[in-house]
């Protein structure tokens, strides 16, 4: 499996998930109809040096977990070799770190939001249970007021919707 594209829009092409068929030696794109970026492409000043985990395979080699960037958020998705894709952990957040234990279906995530910057969480991939592990910024946050990001959108000149966010 690989993450990449065929430069359909030069440097503005969204990366897709491809599987290599060893029998006929061909690539099949599993996410050709998706209008989202596979991987973490969020601009994050506080998270310099993080590494996108790519595709993290399950024990049975029939599925994988990965990050997507969509509408300013970075979420965890599950994909199967037959092309089904499902959100595992979706929301207004930046998941900037992900590792899984394929045997126990548990993960450790690094998650940041505008009002809760940068902590580690355990995540049960089967049940969806999320539990915070670290509270590194709690003391600082007691003395600061942070703003939630508000989503905005507007039509561009070609009719496509442009998404963004602002903070008061």
C-alpha atoms as a PDB file:
ATOM      1  CA  UNK A   1       0.000   0.000   0.000  1.00  0.00           C
ATOM      2  CA  UNK A   2       1.092   3.544  -0.652  1.00  0.00           C
ATOM      3  CA  UNK A   3      -0.183   7.079  -0.189  1.00  0.00           C
ATOM      4  CA  UNK A   4       0.317   9.289  -3.210  1.00  0.00           C
ATOM      5  CA  UNK A   5      -1.189  10.813  -6.350  1.00  0.00           C
ATOM      6  CA  UNK A   6      -0.645  11.107 -10.077  1.00  0.00           C
ATOM      7  CA  UNK A   7      -0.144  14.900 -10.119  1.00  0.00           C
ATOM      8  CA  UNK A   8      -3.543  15.497 -11.702  1.00  0.00           C
ATOM      9  CA  UNK A   9      -3.455  19.074 -10.381  1.00  0.00           C
ATOM     10  CA  UNK A  10       0.324  19.368 -10.140  1.00  0.00           C
ATOM     11  CA  UNK A  11       1.311  20.376  -6.584  1.00  0.00           C
ATOM     12  CA  UNK A  12      -2.327  20.900  -5.546  1.00  0.00           C
ATOM     13  CA  UNK A  13      -3.327  17.243  -5.986  1.00  0.00           C
ATOM     14  CA  UNK A  14      -4.795  15.477  -2.965  1.00  0.00           C
ATOM     15  CA  UNK A  15      -3.014  12.290  -1.878  1.00  0.00           C
ATOM     16  CA  UNK A  16      -4.966   9.049  -2.166  1.00  0.00           C
ATOM     17  CA  UNK A  17      -4.619   5.494  -0.824  1.00  0.00           C
ATOM     18  CA  UNK A  18      -3.410   2.901  -3.315  1.00  0.00           C
ATOM     19  CA  UNK A  19      -3.075  -0.876  -2.975  1.00  0.00           C
ATOM     20  CA  UNK A  20      -0.719  -2.932  -5.074  1.00  0.00           C
ATOM     21  CA  UNK A  21      -2.152  -6.137  -6.542  1.00  0.00           C
ATOM     22  CA  UNK A  22       0.718  -8.638  -6.549  1.00  0.00           C
ATOM     23  CA  UNK A  23      -1.137 -11.018  -8.910  1.00  0.00           C
ATOM     24  CA  UNK A  24      -1.551  -8.676 -11.879  1.00  0.00           C
ATOM     25  CA  UNK A  25       1.079  -6.160 -10.721  1.00  0.00           C
ATOM     26  CA  UNK A  26      -1.234  -3.161 -10.818  1.00  0.00           C
ATOM     27  CA  UNK A  27      -2.232  -0.360  -8.455  1.00  0.00           C
ATOM     28  CA  UNK A  28      -5.839   0.223  -7.387  1.00  0.00           C
ATOM     29  CA  UNK A  29      -6.871   3.557  -5.879  1.00  0.00           C
ATOM     30  CA  UNK A  30      -9.193   3.037  -2.895  1.00  0.00           C
ATOM     31  CA  UNK A  31     -10.031   6.715  -2.351  1.00  0.00           C
ATOM     32  CA  UNK A  32     -10.383   8.049  -5.909  1.00  0.00           C
ATOM     33  CA  UNK A  33     -13.730   9.717  -5.189  1.00  0.00           C
ATOM     34  CA  UNK A  34     -12.636  11.386  -1.936  1.00  0.00           C
ATOM     35  CA  UNK A  35     -12.215  15.142  -1.811  1.00  0.00           C
ATOM     36  CA  UNK A  36     -10.037  15.052   1.325  1.00  0.00           C
ATOM     37  CA  UNK A  37      -6.295  14.873   1.898  1.00  0.00           C
ATOM     38  CA  UNK A  38      -4.965  11.572   3.235  1.00  0.00           C
ATOM     39  CA  UNK A  39      -2.531  12.397   6.033  1.00  0.00           C
ATOM     40  CA  UNK A  40      -1.935  15.361   8.324  1.00  0.00           C
ATOM     41  CA  UNK A  41      -1.471  18.632   6.437  1.00  0.00           C
ATOM     42  CA  UNK A  42      -2.721  20.944   9.157  1.00  0.00           C
ATOM     43  CA  UNK A  43      -0.657  24.050   9.856  1.00  0.00           C
ATOM     44  CA  UNK A  44       0.299  23.738  13.516  1.00  0.00           C
ATOM     45  CA  UNK A  45       2.909  25.989  15.042  1.00  0.00           C
ATOM     46  CA  UNK A  46       3.110  23.947  18.255  1.00  0.00           C
ATOM     47  CA  UNK A  47       3.572  20.548  16.649  1.00  0.00           C
ATOM     48  CA  UNK A  48       6.740  20.941  14.621  1.00  0.00           C
ATOM     49  CA  UNK A  49       8.565  17.700  13.896  1.00  0.00           C
ATOM     50  CA  UNK A  50       5.635  15.309  14.121  1.00  0.00           C
ATOM     51  CA  UNK A  51       5.565  12.370  11.721  1.00  0.00           C
ATOM     52  CA  UNK A  52       2.514  11.230   9.786  1.00  0.00           C
ATOM     53  CA  UNK A  53       2.085   7.520  10.611  1.00  0.00           C
ATOM     54  CA  UNK A  54       0.885   6.545   7.125  1.00  0.00           C
ATOM     55  CA  UNK A  55      -1.299   3.432   6.991  1.00  0.00           C
ATOM     56  CA  UNK A  56      -1.345   1.367  10.195  1.00  0.00           C
ATOM     57  CA  UNK A  57      -2.496  -2.153   9.367  1.00  0.00           C
ATOM     58  CA  UNK A  58      -4.693  -4.446  11.474  1.00  0.00           C
ATOM     59  CA  UNK A  59      -3.486  -7.939  12.390  1.00  0.00           C
ATOM     60  CA  UNK A  60      -5.605  -9.643   9.728  1.00  0.00           C
ATOM     61  CA  UNK A  61      -4.212  -7.382   6.961  1.00  0.00           C
ATOM     62  CA  UNK A  62      -7.762  -6.611   5.850  1.00  0.00           C
ATOM     63  CA  UNK A  63      -7.896  -3.056   7.182  1.00  0.00           C
ATOM     64  CA  UNK A  64      -5.843  -0.086   8.261  1.00  0.00           C
ATOM     65  CA  UNK A  65      -6.083   3.148  10.243  1.00  0.00           C
ATOM     66  CA  UNK A  66      -4.858   6.481   8.927  1.00  0.00           C
ATOM     67  CA  UNK A  67      -5.210  10.246   9.279  1.00  0.00           C
ATOM     68  CA  UNK A  68      -7.168  12.550   6.977  1.00  0.00           C
ATOM     69  CA  UNK A  69      -7.219  16.340   6.757  1.00  0.00           C
ATOM     70  CA  UNK A  70     -10.616  17.839   5.988  1.00  0.00           C
ATOM     71  CA  UNK A  71     -12.097  21.288   6.627  1.00  0.00           C
ATOM     72  CA  UNK A  72      -9.212  22.286   8.910  1.00  0.00           C
ATOM     73  CA  UNK A  73      -9.450  19.170  11.087  1.00  0.00           C
ATOM     74  CA  UNK A  74      -7.309  16.050  11.214  1.00  0.00           C
ATOM     75  CA  UNK A  75      -9.221  12.865  12.043  1.00  0.00           C
ATOM     76  CA  UNK A  76      -8.636   9.109  12.326  1.00  0.00           C
ATOM     77  CA  UNK A  77     -10.240   6.874   9.702  1.00  0.00           C
ATOM     78  CA  UNK A  78     -10.456   3.133   9.144  1.00  0.00           C
ATOM     79  CA  UNK A  79     -10.173   1.664   5.661  1.00  0.00           C
ATOM     80  CA  UNK A  80     -10.565  -1.854   4.342  1.00  0.00           C
ATOM     81  CA  UNK A  81      -8.864  -3.545   1.401  1.00  0.00           C
ATOM     82  CA  UNK A  82     -12.204  -3.646  -0.429  1.00  0.00           C
ATOM     83  CA  UNK A  83     -12.373   0.171  -0.371  1.00  0.00           C
ATOM     84  CA  UNK A  84     -14.776   0.883   2.503  1.00  0.00           C
ATOM     85  CA  UNK A  85     -13.734   3.935   4.531  1.00  0.00           C
ATOM     86  CA  UNK A  86     -15.199   4.923   7.904  1.00  0.00           C
ATOM     87  CA  UNK A  87     -14.504   7.687  10.415  1.00  0.00           C
ATOM     88  CA  UNK A  88     -13.071   6.262  13.625  1.00  0.00           C
ATOM     89  CA  UNK A  89     -12.429   9.510  15.508  1.00  0.00           C
ATOM     90  CA  UNK A  90     -13.847  12.544  13.774  1.00  0.00           C
ATOM     91  CA  UNK A  91     -14.353  16.069  15.059  1.00  0.00           C
ATOM     92  CA  UNK A  92     -12.971  19.551  15.444  1.00  0.00           C
ATOM     93  CA  UNK A  93      -9.443  18.567  16.402  1.00  0.00           C
ATOM     94  CA  UNK A  94      -5.938  18.084  15.126  1.00  0.00           C
ATOM     95  CA  UNK A  95      -4.755  14.507  15.605  1.00  0.00           C
ATOM     96  CA  UNK A  96      -1.024  15.013  15.158  1.00  0.00           C
ATOM     97  CA  UNK A  97       0.144  11.644  16.441  1.00  0.00           C
ATOM     98  CA  UNK A  98      -1.244   8.133  16.075  1.00  0.00           C
ATOM     99  CA  UNK A  99       0.033   4.671  16.876  1.00  0.00           C
ATOM    100  CA  UNK A 100      -1.990   1.486  17.269  1.00  0.00           C
ATOM    101  CA  UNK A 101      -1.675  -1.933  18.827  1.00  0.00           C
ATOM    102  CA  UNK A 102      -3.183  -4.133  16.088  1.00  0.00           C
ATOM    103  CA  UNK A 103      -3.752  -7.017  18.518  1.00  0.00           C
ATOM    104  CA  UNK A 104      -5.746  -5.102  21.159  1.00  0.00           C
ATOM    105  CA  UNK A 105      -7.327  -2.493  18.844  1.00  0.00           C
ATOM    106  CA  UNK A 106      -6.092   0.265  21.114  1.00  0.00           C
ATOM    107  CA  UNK A 107      -4.350   3.444  20.055  1.00  0.00           C
ATOM    108  CA  UNK A 108      -2.450   6.318  21.565  1.00  0.00           C
ATOM    109  CA  UNK A 109      -3.272   9.677  19.988  1.00  0.00           C
ATOM    110  CA  UNK A 110      -1.772  13.130  20.279  1.00  0.00           C
ATOM    111  CA  UNK A 111      -4.666  15.582  19.971  1.00  0.00           C
ATOM    112  CA  UNK A 112      -4.836  19.350  19.993  1.00  0.00           C
ATOM    113  CA  UNK A 113      -7.788  21.740  19.824  1.00  0.00           C
ATOM    114  CA  UNK A 114      -7.812  25.535  20.046  1.00  0.00           C
ATOM    115  CA  UNK A 115      -8.830  25.369  23.724  1.00  0.00           C
ATOM    116  CA  UNK A 116      -6.907  22.215  24.706  1.00  0.00           C
ATOM    117  CA  UNK A 117      -3.494  22.287  23.050  1.00  0.00           C
ATOM    118  CA  UNK A 118      -1.473  19.116  22.837  1.00  0.00           C
ATOM    119  CA  UNK A 119      -2.181  16.130  25.083  1.00  0.00           C
ATOM    120  CA  UNK A 120      -1.975  12.355  24.745  1.00  0.00           C
ATOM    121  CA  UNK A 121      -5.040  10.098  24.807  1.00  0.00           C
ATOM    122  CA  UNK A 122      -5.761   6.394  24.759  1.00  0.00           C
ATOM    123  CA  UNK A 123      -8.397   5.384  22.247  1.00  0.00           C
ATOM    124  CA  UNK A 124     -10.191   2.060  21.937  1.00  0.00           C
ATOM    125  CA  UNK A 125     -10.627   1.562  18.196  1.00  0.00           C
ATOM    126  CA  UNK A 126     -13.432  -0.988  18.760  1.00  0.00           C
ATOM    127  CA  UNK A 127     -15.578   0.899  21.283  1.00  0.00           C
ATOM    128  CA  UNK A 128     -14.640   4.520  20.588  1.00  0.00           C
ATOM    129  CA  UNK A 129     -13.709   5.137  24.221  1.00  0.00           C
ATOM    130  CA  UNK A 130     -11.294   8.080  24.487  1.00  0.00           C
ATOM    131  CA  UNK A 131      -9.387   8.789  27.718  1.00  0.00           C
ATOM    132  CA  UNK A 132      -6.921  11.605  28.342  1.00  0.00           C
ATOM    133  CA  UNK A 133      -3.458  10.442  29.498  1.00  0.00           C
ATOM    134  CA  UNK A 134      -1.560  13.703  29.966  1.00  0.00           C
ATOM    135  CA  UNK A 135      -2.592  17.102  31.290  1.00  0.00           C
ATOM    136  CA  UNK A 136       0.554  18.998  30.373  1.00  0.00           C
ATOM    137  CA  UNK A 137      -1.075  22.396  29.818  1.00  0.00           C
ATOM    138  CA  UNK A 138      -3.667  22.417  32.613  1.00  0.00           C
ATOM    139  CA  UNK A 139      -1.768  24.772  34.927  1.00  0.00           C
ATOM    140  CA  UNK A 140      -1.151  27.271  32.135  1.00  0.00           C
ATOM    141  CA  UNK A 141      -4.747  27.073  30.900  1.00  0.00           C
ATOM    142  CA  UNK A 142      -6.011  28.078  34.343  1.00  0.00           C
ATOM    143  CA  UNK A 143      -4.481  31.512  33.714  1.00  0.00           C
ATOM    144  CA  UNK A 144      -5.455  31.923  30.040  1.00  0.00           C
ATOM    145  CA  UNK A 145      -8.622  32.376  28.047  1.00  0.00           C
ATOM    146  CA  UNK A 146      -8.651  30.579  24.700  1.00  0.00           C
ATOM    147  CA  UNK A 147     -11.178  30.844  21.865  1.00  0.00           C
ATOM    148  CA  UNK A 148     -12.888  28.084  19.933  1.00  0.00           C
ATOM    149  CA  UNK A 149     -12.433  28.169  16.171  1.00  0.00           C
ATOM    150  CA  UNK A 150     -15.568  29.065  14.237  1.00  0.00           C
ATOM    151  CA  UNK A 151     -16.061  27.461  10.826  1.00  0.00           C
ATOM    152  CA  UNK A 152     -16.809  29.732   7.874  1.00  0.00           C
ATOM    153  CA  UNK A 153     -17.444  29.010   4.194  1.00  0.00           C
ATOM    154  CA  UNK A 154     -18.154  31.005   1.075  1.00  0.00           C
ATOM    155  CA  UNK A 155     -18.401  30.326  -2.684  1.00  0.00           C
ATOM    156  CA  UNK A 156     -15.362  30.970  -4.864  1.00  0.00           C
ATOM    157  CA  UNK A 157     -15.525  32.485  -8.352  1.00  0.00           C
ATOM    158  CA  UNK A 158     -15.899  29.022  -9.913  1.00  0.00           C
ATOM    159  CA  UNK A 159     -18.719  28.051  -7.529  1.00  0.00           C
ATOM    160  CA  UNK A 160     -16.693  25.744  -5.306  1.00  0.00           C
ATOM    161  CA  UNK A 161     -17.145  26.215  -1.594  1.00  0.00           C
ATOM    162  CA  UNK A 162     -14.105  27.502   0.291  1.00  0.00           C
ATOM    163  CA  UNK A 163     -13.852  26.509   3.940  1.00  0.00           C
ATOM    164  CA  UNK A 164     -11.921  28.199   6.699  1.00  0.00           C
ATOM    165  CA  UNK A 165     -12.123  29.201  10.337  1.00  0.00           C
ATOM    166  CA  UNK A 166     -11.554  32.219  12.508  1.00  0.00           C
ATOM    167  CA  UNK A 167     -11.101  32.867  16.190  1.00  0.00           C
ATOM    168  CA  UNK A 168     -12.358  35.848  18.186  1.00  0.00           C
END
